[in-house]
Amino acid sequence: MASTNPKTYESTPSRKVAFLGLGVMGFPMAGHLALAGHQVTVYNRSAEKREAWRKEFKGNAAATPREAVAGCELVFCCVGNDDDLRSVVLGEQGAFAGMKPGAILVDHTTASADVARELSAEAKQRGLQFVDAPVSGGQAGAQNGMLTVMCGGEQAAFDAAKPVAMAFSRAFTLLGASGSGQLAKMVNQVAIAGLVQGLSEAIAFGMKAGLDMEQVLEVIGKGAAQSWQMDNRGKTMIADKFEFGFAVDWMRKDLGLVLDEAKRNGARMPVTALVDQFYADVQAMGGKRWDTSSLIKRLR
């Protein structure tokens, strides 16, 4: 597992856990659980990905979510969207069908607040617990075990999950009732979208003005314009490089969740709606898998 900084794990008792979904985020997240000393069983739709994980981390792999969660106190999940989440949690072979009474499912999928509330209610009916817990930090954060996790759910379930989840987290915070984690992730994505568009326009403007933009960013990065995006993506944007994790397709999915929620709660999102359309332009340019800093490509 690629990691620029070796993770130091907190000392916690070994737990029997499952992890559902081994994408670019889930694969290293599950790996950190194994490296922290937990007994991990993984599930992924692709058998090849399951076997690759099992060989790298010496854990167990299962052919269905129901099989993966058998006997586990904690189940972690990170898949693509609402429908993917329902497919691994519900149904005869889903996680809820195999979880023992009192077990907790912690969902790291970026999904809607509605599906979080739906699955929380279903879990309660089954004598289970559910925490919606989307993450921020991207692929690098997952690989380094330094994700920021925004949680919604009951305090007791959160308290039970946190010591184990810190294997892949730098912060794991309860923000309110079920759905609160997903709503907080929407806030996060709104802030990022606006920042990246502003940074794109600033760099494009400076380049057309004939400035040495690497030098300019070095200077203004020490002042009020500083941001994570400037520090980590400014130079790569200047260099026309966009292979750094969180893809445009994923950001459009997330901004779609934001705009749907805004229709329900009445929030006004003029800039977010505009940036969403700018990302649609990037998709049309062939940039579906470019990272989100590729907004600058529209301006060149």
C-alpha atoms as a PDB file:
ATOM      1  CA  MET A   1       0.000   0.000   0.000  1.00  0.00           C
ATOM      2  CA  ALA A   2       1.543   3.313  -1.083  1.00  0.00           C
ATOM      3  CA  SER A   3       2.007   5.693   1.815  1.00  0.00           C
ATOM      4  CA  THR A   4       4.210   8.753   2.048  1.00  0.00           C
ATOM      5  CA  ASN A   5       4.130   8.801   5.842  1.00  0.00           C
ATOM      6  CA  PRO A   6       4.075   5.603   7.921  1.00  0.00           C
ATOM      7  CA  LYS A   7       0.944   5.516  10.055  1.00  0.00           C
ATOM      8  CA  THR A   8       1.282   5.204  13.819  1.00  0.00           C
ATOM      9  CA  TYR A   9      -1.679   3.191  15.112  1.00  0.00           C
ATOM     10  CA  GLU A  10      -3.307   3.734  18.471  1.00  0.00           C
ATOM     11  CA  SER A  11      -3.265   0.698  20.722  1.00  0.00           C
ATOM     12  CA  THR A  12      -6.762  -0.825  20.635  1.00  0.00           C
ATOM     13  CA  PRO A  13      -8.004  -4.367  21.269  1.00  0.00           C
ATOM     14  CA  SER A  14      -8.164  -6.507  18.142  1.00  0.00           C
ATOM     15  CA  ARG A  15     -11.707  -6.592  16.770  1.00  0.00           C
ATOM     16  CA  LYS A  16     -13.426  -8.754  14.182  1.00  0.00           C
ATOM     17  CA  VAL A  17     -14.520  -6.349  11.438  1.00  0.00           C
ATOM     18  CA  ALA A  18     -15.650  -6.373   7.818  1.00  0.00           C
ATOM     19  CA  PHE A  19     -15.021  -3.883   5.027  1.00  0.00           C
ATOM     20  CA  LEU A  20     -17.350  -3.705   2.013  1.00  0.00           C
ATOM     21  CA  GLY A  21     -16.010  -2.001  -1.110  1.00  0.00           C
ATOM     22  CA  LEU A  22     -12.370  -2.010  -2.216  1.00  0.00           C
ATOM     23  CA  GLY A  23     -12.145   0.974  -4.540  1.00  0.00           C
ATOM     24  CA  VAL A  24      -9.405   3.606  -4.463  1.00  0.00           C
ATOM     25  CA  MET A  25     -10.547   4.617  -0.973  1.00  0.00           C
ATOM     26  CA  GLY A  26     -11.787   1.349   0.519  1.00  0.00           C
ATOM     27  CA  PHE A  27      -8.747  -0.770  -0.425  1.00  0.00           C
ATOM     28  CA  PRO A  28      -6.257   1.237   1.686  1.00  0.00           C
ATOM     29  CA  MET A  29      -8.809   1.964   4.431  1.00  0.00           C
ATOM     30  CA  ALA A  30      -9.381  -1.751   4.930  1.00  0.00           C
ATOM     31  CA  GLY A  31      -5.630  -2.223   4.780  1.00  0.00           C
ATOM     32  CA  HIS A  32      -5.070   0.163   7.680  1.00  0.00           C
ATOM     33  CA  LEU A  33      -7.565  -1.801   9.770  1.00  0.00           C
ATOM     34  CA  ALA A  34      -5.561  -4.969   9.128  1.00  0.00           C
ATOM     35  CA  LEU A  35      -2.234  -3.260   9.814  1.00  0.00           C
ATOM     36  CA  ALA A  36      -3.645  -1.933  13.096  1.00  0.00           C
ATOM     37  CA  GLY A  37      -4.151  -5.530  14.209  1.00  0.00           C
ATOM     38  CA  HIS A  38      -7.849  -6.094  13.533  1.00  0.00           C
ATOM     39  CA  GLN A  39      -9.246  -9.297  12.020  1.00  0.00           C
ATOM     40  CA  VAL A  40     -10.584  -8.041   8.701  1.00  0.00           C
ATOM     41  CA  THR A  41     -12.827  -9.757   6.166  1.00  0.00           C
ATOM     42  CA  VAL A  42     -13.395  -7.861   2.926  1.00  0.00           C
ATOM     43  CA  TYR A  43     -16.019  -7.951   0.195  1.00  0.00           C
ATOM     44  CA  ASN A  44     -15.891  -6.446  -3.278  1.00  0.00           C
ATOM     45  CA  ARG A  45     -17.947  -7.211  -6.382  1.00  0.00           C
ATOM     46  CA  SER A  46     -14.720  -8.006  -8.216  1.00  0.00           C
ATOM     47  CA  ALA A  47     -13.185 -11.265  -7.007  1.00  0.00           C
ATOM     48  CA  GLU A  48      -9.817 -10.133  -8.375  1.00  0.00           C
ATOM     49  CA  LYS A  49      -9.827  -7.071  -6.126  1.00  0.00           C
ATOM     50  CA  ARG A  50     -10.806  -9.186  -3.118  1.00  0.00           C
ATOM     51  CA  GLU A  51      -7.918 -11.555  -3.748  1.00  0.00           C
ATOM     52  CA  ALA A  52      -5.447  -8.733  -4.346  1.00  0.00           C
ATOM     53  CA  TRP A  53      -6.368  -7.220  -0.985  1.00  0.00           C
ATOM     54  CA  ARG A  54      -6.247 -10.552   0.821  1.00  0.00           C
ATOM     55  CA  LYS A  55      -2.770 -11.309  -0.519  1.00  0.00           C
ATOM     56  CA  GLU A  56      -1.412  -7.872   0.384  1.00  0.00           C
ATOM     57  CA  PHE A  57      -2.816  -7.696   3.897  1.00  0.00           C
ATOM     58  CA  LYS A  58      -3.216 -11.376   4.882  1.00  0.00           C
ATOM     59  CA  GLY A  59      -6.873 -10.907   5.791  1.00  0.00           C
ATOM     60  CA  ASN A  60      -9.969 -12.818   4.702  1.00  0.00           C
ATOM     61  CA  ALA A  61     -12.226 -12.340   1.681  1.00  0.00           C
ATOM     62  CA  ALA A  62     -15.888 -13.256   1.242  1.00  0.00           C
ATOM     63  CA  ALA A  63     -18.082 -13.772  -1.814  1.00  0.00           C
ATOM     64  CA  THR A  64     -21.086 -11.804  -0.451  1.00  0.00           C
ATOM     65  CA  PRO A  65     -21.620  -8.967   2.024  1.00  0.00           C
ATOM     66  CA  ARG A  66     -23.682 -11.280   4.209  1.00  0.00           C
ATOM     67  CA  GLU A  67     -20.813 -13.763   4.419  1.00  0.00           C
ATOM     68  CA  ALA A  68     -18.261 -11.005   5.076  1.00  0.00           C
ATOM     69  CA  VAL A  69     -20.069  -9.572   8.106  1.00  0.00           C
ATOM     70  CA  ALA A  70     -20.774 -12.841   9.912  1.00  0.00           C
ATOM     71  CA  GLY A  71     -19.797 -12.524  13.566  1.00  0.00           C
ATOM     72  CA  CYS A  72     -18.446  -8.971  13.184  1.00  0.00           C
ATOM     73  CA  GLU A  73     -19.029  -6.244  15.748  1.00  0.00           C
ATOM     74  CA  LEU A  74     -18.214  -3.506  13.244  1.00  0.00           C
ATOM     75  CA  VAL A  75     -18.829  -3.323   9.506  1.00  0.00           C
ATOM     76  CA  PHE A  76     -17.314  -0.567   7.376  1.00  0.00           C
ATOM     77  CA  CYS A  77     -18.525   0.255   3.883  1.00  0.00           C
ATOM     78  CA  CYS A  78     -17.292   2.521   1.082  1.00  0.00           C
ATOM     79  CA  VAL A  79     -18.997   2.179  -2.312  1.00  0.00           C
ATOM     80  CA  GLY A  80     -20.070   4.492  -5.133  1.00  0.00           C
ATOM     81  CA  ASN A  81     -23.541   5.921  -4.586  1.00  0.00           C
ATOM     82  CA  ASP A  82     -26.991   5.393  -3.024  1.00  0.00           C
ATOM     83  CA  ASP A  83     -27.868   2.442  -5.254  1.00  0.00           C
ATOM     84  CA  ASP A  84     -24.505   0.734  -4.670  1.00  0.00           C
ATOM     85  CA  LEU A  85     -24.957   1.227  -0.947  1.00  0.00           C
ATOM     86  CA  ARG A  86     -28.420  -0.334  -0.918  1.00  0.00           C
ATOM     87  CA  SER A  87     -27.120  -3.251  -2.985  1.00  0.00           C
ATOM     88  CA  VAL A  88     -24.486  -4.230  -0.409  1.00  0.00           C
ATOM     89  CA  VAL A  89     -26.550  -3.473   2.708  1.00  0.00           C
ATOM     90  CA  LEU A  90     -30.074  -4.671   1.865  1.00  0.00           C
ATOM     91  CA  GLY A  91     -31.454  -7.895   0.390  1.00  0.00           C
ATOM     92  CA  GLU A  92     -30.977 -11.560   1.140  1.00  0.00           C
ATOM     93  CA  GLN A  93     -27.192 -11.412   0.651  1.00  0.00           C
ATOM     94  CA  GLY A  94     -26.757  -7.895   2.060  1.00  0.00           C
ATOM     95  CA  ALA A  95     -24.872  -6.902   5.182  1.00  0.00           C
ATOM     96  CA  PHE A  96     -27.954  -6.314   7.352  1.00  0.00           C
ATOM     97  CA  ALA A  97     -29.091  -9.906   6.716  1.00  0.00           C
ATOM     98  CA  GLY A  98     -25.864 -11.280   8.193  1.00  0.00           C
ATOM     99  CA  MET A  99     -25.015  -8.855  11.009  1.00  0.00           C
ATOM    100  CA  LYS A 100     -25.458 -10.018  14.592  1.00  0.00           C
ATOM    101  CA  PRO A 101     -27.762  -8.054  16.961  1.00  0.00           C
ATOM    102  CA  GLY A 102     -26.186  -4.813  18.175  1.00  0.00           C
ATOM    103  CA  ALA A 103     -23.538  -4.733  15.436  1.00  0.00           C
ATOM    104  CA  ILE A 104     -22.701  -1.381  13.850  1.00  0.00           C
ATOM    105  CA  LEU A 105     -22.454  -0.498  10.161  1.00  0.00           C
ATOM    106  CA  VAL A 106     -20.301   2.581   9.504  1.00  0.00           C
ATOM    107  CA  ASP A 107     -20.850   3.836   5.959  1.00  0.00           C
ATOM    108  CA  HIS A 108     -18.091   5.923   4.356  1.00  0.00           C
ATOM    109  CA  THR A 109     -19.855   6.282   0.991  1.00  0.00           C
ATOM    110  CA  THR A 110     -20.583   9.846  -0.095  1.00  0.00           C
ATOM    111  CA  ALA A 111     -24.322   9.432  -0.540  1.00  0.00           C
ATOM    112  CA  SER A 112     -27.559  11.311   0.108  1.00  0.00           C
ATOM    113  CA  ALA A 113     -28.771  12.242   3.567  1.00  0.00           C
ATOM    114  CA  ASP A 114     -32.026  10.490   2.644  1.00  0.00           C
ATOM    115  CA  VAL A 115     -30.399   7.085   2.166  1.00  0.00           C
ATOM    116  CA  ALA A 116     -28.513   7.535   5.433  1.00  0.00           C
ATOM    117  CA  ARG A 117     -31.778   8.124   7.287  1.00  0.00           C
ATOM    118  CA  GLU A 118     -33.442   5.232   5.424  1.00  0.00           C
ATOM    119  CA  LEU A 119     -30.707   2.746   6.352  1.00  0.00           C
ATOM    120  CA  SER A 120     -30.519   4.044   9.918  1.00  0.00           C
ATOM    121  CA  ALA A 121     -34.244   3.388  10.360  1.00  0.00           C
ATOM    122  CA  GLU A 122     -33.930  -0.061   8.786  1.00  0.00           C
ATOM    123  CA  ALA A 123     -30.986  -0.894  11.046  1.00  0.00           C
ATOM    124  CA  LYS A 124     -32.938   0.126  14.127  1.00  0.00           C
ATOM    125  CA  GLN A 125     -35.841  -2.140  13.144  1.00  0.00           C
ATOM    126  CA  ARG A 126     -33.393  -5.037  12.882  1.00  0.00           C
ATOM    127  CA  GLY A 127     -31.700  -4.355  16.227  1.00  0.00           C
ATOM    128  CA  LEU A 128     -28.589  -2.986  14.483  1.00  0.00           C
ATOM    129  CA  GLN A 129     -26.840   0.403  14.484  1.00  0.00           C
ATOM    130  CA  PHE A 130     -25.873   2.661  11.575  1.00  0.00           C
ATOM    131  CA  VAL A 131     -23.491   5.623  11.291  1.00  0.00           C
ATOM    132  CA  ASP A 132     -23.208   7.696   8.113  1.00  0.00           C
ATOM    133  CA  ALA A 133     -19.554   8.707   7.921  1.00  0.00           C
ATOM    134  CA  PRO A 134     -18.386  10.193   4.583  1.00  0.00           C
ATOM    135  CA  VAL A 135     -14.726  11.122   4.375  1.00  0.00           C
ATOM    136  CA  SER A 136     -12.538  13.949   3.122  1.00  0.00           C
ATOM    137  CA  GLY A 137      -8.870  13.707   2.258  1.00  0.00           C
ATOM    138  CA  GLY A 138      -8.921  11.923  -1.073  1.00  0.00           C
ATOM    139  CA  GLN A 139      -6.866   8.959  -2.197  1.00  0.00           C
ATOM    140  CA  ALA A 140      -3.724  10.244  -0.480  1.00  0.00           C
ATOM    141  CA  GLY A 141      -5.606  10.606   2.800  1.00  0.00           C
ATOM    142  CA  ALA A 142      -6.860   7.033   2.523  1.00  0.00           C
ATOM    143  CA  GLN A 143      -3.409   5.675   1.709  1.00  0.00           C
ATOM    144  CA  ASN A 144      -1.784   7.561   4.577  1.00  0.00           C
ATOM    145  CA  GLY A 145      -4.575   6.757   7.050  1.00  0.00           C
ATOM    146  CA  MET A 146      -5.263  10.471   7.532  1.00  0.00           C
ATOM    147  CA  LEU A 147      -8.889  10.927   6.509  1.00  0.00           C
ATOM    148  CA  THR A 148     -11.281  13.434   8.045  1.00  0.00           C
ATOM    149  CA  VAL A 149     -14.533  11.631   8.825  1.00  0.00           C
ATOM    150  CA  MET A 150     -17.886  13.415   9.297  1.00  0.00           C
ATOM    151  CA  CYS A 151     -20.421  11.312  11.192  1.00  0.00           C
ATOM    152  CA  GLY A 152     -24.151  11.239  11.783  1.00  0.00           C
ATOM    153  CA  GLY A 153     -25.887   8.839  14.153  1.00  0.00           C
ATOM    154  CA  GLU A 154     -26.252   7.805  17.775  1.00  0.00           C
ATOM    155  CA  GLN A 155     -23.555   8.655  20.308  1.00  0.00           C
ATOM    156  CA  ALA A 156     -23.155   5.056  21.519  1.00  0.00           C
ATOM    157  CA  ALA A 157     -22.556   3.679  18.022  1.00  0.00           C
ATOM    158  CA  PHE A 158     -20.133   6.490  17.252  1.00  0.00           C
ATOM    159  CA  ASP A 159     -18.196   5.905  20.480  1.00  0.00           C
ATOM    160  CA  ALA A 160     -17.888   2.188  19.734  1.00  0.00           C
ATOM    161  CA  ALA A 161     -16.683   2.737  16.168  1.00  0.00           C
ATOM    162  CA  LYS A 162     -14.238   5.609  16.688  1.00  0.00           C
ATOM    163  CA  PRO A 163     -11.265   3.763  18.264  1.00  0.00           C
ATOM    164  CA  VAL A 164     -11.232   1.256  15.393  1.00  0.00           C
ATOM    165  CA  ALA A 165     -11.865   3.841  12.647  1.00  0.00           C
ATOM    166  CA  MET A 166      -8.911   5.932  13.827  1.00  0.00           C
ATOM    167  CA  ALA A 167      -6.731   3.350  12.045  1.00  0.00           C
ATOM    168  CA  PHE A 168      -7.460   5.270   8.828  1.00  0.00           C
ATOM    169  CA  SER A 169      -8.520   8.656  10.228  1.00  0.00           C
ATOM    170  CA  ARG A 170      -6.938  11.840  11.494  1.00  0.00           C
ATOM    171  CA  ALA A 171     -10.289  13.110  12.802  1.00  0.00           C
ATOM    172  CA  PHE A 172     -13.534  11.208  13.412  1.00  0.00           C
ATOM    173  CA  THR A 173     -16.291  13.544  14.574  1.00  0.00           C
ATOM    174  CA  LEU A 174     -19.991  13.167  15.399  1.00  0.00           C
ATOM    175  CA  LEU A 175     -21.935  16.115  13.966  1.00  0.00           C
ATOM    176  CA  GLY A 176     -25.511  15.212  14.812  1.00  0.00           C
ATOM    177  CA  ALA A 177     -28.309  12.782  14.088  1.00  0.00           C
ATOM    178  CA  SER A 178     -28.465  10.385  11.160  1.00  0.00           C
ATOM    179  CA  GLY A 179     -27.787  12.205   7.880  1.00  0.00           C
ATOM    180  CA  SER A 180     -25.613  14.884   9.488  1.00  0.00           C
ATOM    181  CA  GLY A 181     -22.411  13.319   8.205  1.00  0.00           C
ATOM    182  CA  GLN A 182     -23.667  13.378   4.623  1.00  0.00           C
ATOM    183  CA  LEU A 183     -24.861  16.970   4.949  1.00  0.00           C
ATOM    184  CA  ALA A 184     -21.455  18.011   6.321  1.00  0.00           C
ATOM    185  CA  LYS A 185     -19.745  16.322   3.364  1.00  0.00           C
ATOM    186  CA  MET A 186     -21.971  18.396   1.067  1.00  0.00           C
ATOM    187  CA  VAL A 187     -20.763  21.544   2.828  1.00  0.00           C
ATOM    188  CA  ASN A 188     -17.185  20.332   2.265  1.00  0.00           C
ATOM    189  CA  GLN A 189     -17.743  19.813  -1.465  1.00  0.00           C
ATOM    190  CA  VAL A 190     -19.395  23.228  -1.896  1.00  0.00           C
ATOM    191  CA  ALA A 191     -16.372  24.892  -0.296  1.00  0.00           C
ATOM    192  CA  ILE A 192     -13.925  22.944  -2.467  1.00  0.00           C
ATOM    193  CA  ALA A 193     -15.787  23.697  -5.696  1.00  0.00           C
ATOM    194  CA  GLY A 194     -15.700  27.441  -5.086  1.00  0.00           C
ATOM    195  CA  LEU A 195     -12.046  27.396  -4.032  1.00  0.00           C
ATOM    196  CA  VAL A 196     -10.896  25.444  -7.084  1.00  0.00           C
ATOM    197  CA  GLN A 197     -12.755  27.725  -9.495  1.00  0.00           C
ATOM    198  CA  GLY A 198     -11.281  30.815  -7.838  1.00  0.00           C
ATOM    199  CA  LEU A 199      -7.784  29.328  -7.925  1.00  0.00           C
ATOM    200  CA  SER A 200      -8.240  28.346 -11.584  1.00  0.00           C
ATOM    201  CA  GLU A 201      -9.234  31.864 -12.559  1.00  0.00           C
ATOM    202  CA  ALA A 202      -6.379  33.374 -10.540  1.00  0.00           C
ATOM    203  CA  ILE A 203      -3.727  31.153 -12.140  1.00  0.00           C
ATOM    204  CA  ALA A 204      -5.126  31.586 -15.650  1.00  0.00           C
ATOM    205  CA  PHE A 205      -5.268  35.376 -15.193  1.00  0.00           C
ATOM    206  CA  GLY A 206      -1.695  35.524 -13.897  1.00  0.00           C
ATOM    207  CA  MET A 207      -0.357  33.385 -16.735  1.00  0.00           C
ATOM    208  CA  LYS A 208      -2.027  35.588 -19.351  1.00  0.00           C
ATOM    209  CA  ALA A 209      -0.551  38.614 -17.565  1.00  0.00           C
ATOM    210  CA  GLY A 210       2.931  37.144 -18.049  1.00  0.00           C
ATOM    211  CA  LEU A 211       3.676  36.468 -14.380  1.00  0.00           C
ATOM    212  CA  ASP A 212       5.833  33.647 -13.054  1.00  0.00           C
ATOM    213  CA  MET A 213       2.903  31.917 -11.387  1.00  0.00           C
ATOM    214  CA  GLU A 214       4.968  29.494  -9.339  1.00  0.00           C
ATOM    215  CA  GLN A 215       6.672  32.488  -7.759  1.00  0.00           C
ATOM    216  CA  VAL A 216       3.356  34.308  -7.326  1.00  0.00           C
ATOM    217  CA  LEU A 217       1.765  31.322  -5.564  1.00  0.00           C
ATOM    218  CA  GLU A 218       4.818  31.063  -3.312  1.00  0.00           C
ATOM    219  CA  VAL A 219       4.248  34.672  -2.272  1.00  0.00           C
ATOM    220  CA  ILE A 220       0.462  34.795  -1.934  1.00  0.00           C
ATOM    221  CA  GLY A 221       0.447  31.368  -0.289  1.00  0.00           C
ATOM    222  CA  LYS A 222       1.930  33.075   2.767  1.00  0.00           C
ATOM    223  CA  GLY A 223      -1.028  35.453   2.995  1.00  0.00           C
ATOM    224  CA  ALA A 224      -4.810  35.464   3.148  1.00  0.00           C
ATOM    225  CA  ALA A 225      -5.205  33.627  -0.186  1.00  0.00           C
ATOM    226  CA  GLN A 226      -3.570  30.456   1.174  1.00  0.00           C
ATOM    227  CA  SER A 227      -5.575  27.238   0.979  1.00  0.00           C
ATOM    228  CA  TRP A 228      -5.019  23.475   0.830  1.00  0.00           C
ATOM    229  CA  GLN A 229      -5.901  23.600  -2.852  1.00  0.00           C
ATOM    230  CA  MET A 230      -3.265  26.270  -3.525  1.00  0.00           C
ATOM    231  CA  ASP A 231      -0.602  24.413  -1.546  1.00  0.00           C
ATOM    232  CA  ASN A 232      -1.304  20.997  -3.066  1.00  0.00           C
ATOM    233  CA  ARG A 233      -2.692  21.693  -6.537  1.00  0.00           C
ATOM    234  CA  GLY A 234      -1.426  25.125  -7.573  1.00  0.00           C
ATOM    235  CA  LYS A 235       1.870  23.998  -9.119  1.00  0.00           C
ATOM    236  CA  THR A 236       0.309  20.965 -10.797  1.00  0.00           C
ATOM    237  CA  MET A 237      -2.389  23.181 -12.306  1.00  0.00           C
ATOM    238  CA  ILE A 238       0.343  25.418 -13.746  1.00  0.00           C
ATOM    239  CA  ALA A 239       2.070  22.295 -15.110  1.00  0.00           C
ATOM    240  CA  ASP A 240      -1.175  21.040 -16.703  1.00  0.00           C
ATOM    241  CA  LYS A 241      -1.137  17.835 -14.645  1.00  0.00           C
ATOM    242  CA  PHE A 242      -4.417  16.374 -13.382  1.00  0.00           C
ATOM    243  CA  GLU A 243      -3.772  12.824 -12.159  1.00  0.00           C
ATOM    244  CA  PHE A 244      -4.115  13.444  -8.434  1.00  0.00           C
ATOM    245  CA  GLY A 245      -7.052  11.499  -7.092  1.00  0.00           C
ATOM    246  CA  PHE A 246     -10.601  12.777  -6.784  1.00  0.00           C
ATOM    247  CA  ALA A 247     -12.120  12.626 -10.274  1.00  0.00           C
ATOM    248  CA  VAL A 248     -14.407  15.113 -12.005  1.00  0.00           C
ATOM    249  CA  ASP A 249     -17.073  12.401 -12.394  1.00  0.00           C
ATOM    250  CA  TRP A 250     -17.135  11.927  -8.618  1.00  0.00           C
ATOM    251  CA  MET A 251     -17.323  15.660  -7.937  1.00  0.00           C
ATOM    252  CA  ARG A 252     -20.284  15.993 -10.294  1.00  0.00           C
ATOM    253  CA  LYS A 253     -22.039  13.173  -8.445  1.00  0.00           C
ATOM    254  CA  ASP A 254     -21.393  14.959  -5.147  1.00  0.00           C
ATOM    255  CA  LEU A 255     -22.517  18.369  -6.413  1.00  0.00           C
ATOM    256  CA  GLY A 256     -25.670  16.713  -7.735  1.00  0.00           C
ATOM    257  CA  LEU A 257     -26.402  15.566  -4.168  1.00  0.00           C
ATOM    258  CA  VAL A 258     -25.801  19.125  -2.955  1.00  0.00           C
ATOM    259  CA  LEU A 259     -28.122  20.706  -5.520  1.00  0.00           C
ATOM    260  CA  ASP A 260     -30.857  18.134  -4.844  1.00  0.00           C
ATOM    261  CA  GLU A 261     -30.633  18.810  -1.113  1.00  0.00           C
ATOM    262  CA  ALA A 262     -30.681  22.582  -1.738  1.00  0.00           C
ATOM    263  CA  LYS A 263     -33.972  22.220  -3.633  1.00  0.00           C
ATOM    264  CA  ARG A 264     -35.433  20.597  -0.533  1.00  0.00           C
ATOM    265  CA  ASN A 265     -34.071  22.970   2.096  1.00  0.00           C
ATOM    266  CA  GLY A 266     -34.272  26.204   0.097  1.00  0.00           C
ATOM    267  CA  ALA A 267     -30.558  27.061   0.169  1.00  0.00           C
ATOM    268  CA  ARG A 268     -29.420  29.355  -2.647  1.00  0.00           C
ATOM    269  CA  MET A 269     -26.420  27.894  -4.507  1.00  0.00           C
ATOM    270  CA  PRO A 270     -25.667  30.117  -7.525  1.00  0.00           C
ATOM    271  CA  VAL A 271     -21.891  29.611  -7.574  1.00  0.00           C
ATOM    272  CA  THR A 272     -22.124  25.874  -6.878  1.00  0.00           C
ATOM    273  CA  ALA A 273     -24.603  25.409  -9.725  1.00  0.00           C
ATOM    274  CA  LEU A 274     -22.304  27.350 -12.063  1.00  0.00           C
ATOM    275  CA  VAL A 275     -19.195  25.355 -11.087  1.00  0.00           C
ATOM    276  CA  ASP A 276     -21.154  22.131 -11.557  1.00  0.00           C
ATOM    277  CA  GLN A 277     -21.759  23.187 -15.166  1.00  0.00           C
ATOM    278  CA  PHE A 278     -18.077  24.072 -15.551  1.00  0.00           C
ATOM    279  CA  TYR A 279     -17.260  20.508 -14.477  1.00  0.00           C
ATOM    280  CA  ALA A 280     -19.721  19.295 -17.125  1.00  0.00           C
ATOM    281  CA  ASP A 281     -17.625  21.238 -19.657  1.00  0.00           C
ATOM    282  CA  VAL A 282     -14.505  19.432 -18.404  1.00  0.00           C
ATOM    283  CA  GLN A 283     -16.268  16.094 -18.828  1.00  0.00           C
ATOM    284  CA  ALA A 284     -17.131  17.064 -22.416  1.00  0.00           C
ATOM    285  CA  MET A 285     -13.435  17.845 -22.983  1.00  0.00           C
ATOM    286  CA  GLY A 286     -12.593  14.249 -22.096  1.00  0.00           C
ATOM    287  CA  GLY A 287     -11.724  14.982 -18.483  1.00  0.00           C
ATOM    288  CA  LYS A 288     -14.088  12.624 -16.652  1.00  0.00           C
ATOM    289  CA  ARG A 289     -11.185  11.012 -14.792  1.00  0.00           C
ATOM    290  CA  TRP A 290      -9.050  14.121 -14.387  1.00  0.00           C
ATOM    291  CA  ASP A 291      -8.874  15.401 -10.823  1.00  0.00           C
ATOM    292  CA  THR A 292     -11.013  18.327  -9.721  1.00  0.00           C
ATOM    293  CA  SER A 293      -8.266  20.927 -10.223  1.00  0.00           C
ATOM    294  CA  SER A 294      -8.780  20.445 -13.988  1.00  0.00           C
ATOM    295  CA  LEU A 295     -11.321  23.286 -13.960  1.00  0.00           C
ATOM    296  CA  ILE A 296      -8.449  25.442 -15.213  1.00  0.00           C
ATOM    297  CA  LYS A 297      -8.494  23.556 -18.528  1.00  0.00           C
ATOM    298  CA  ARG A 298     -11.625  25.497 -19.522  1.00  0.00           C
ATOM    299  CA  LEU A 299      -9.722  28.771 -19.178  1.00  0.00           C
ATOM    300  CA  ARG A 300      -6.699  27.978 -21.345  1.00  0.00           C
END
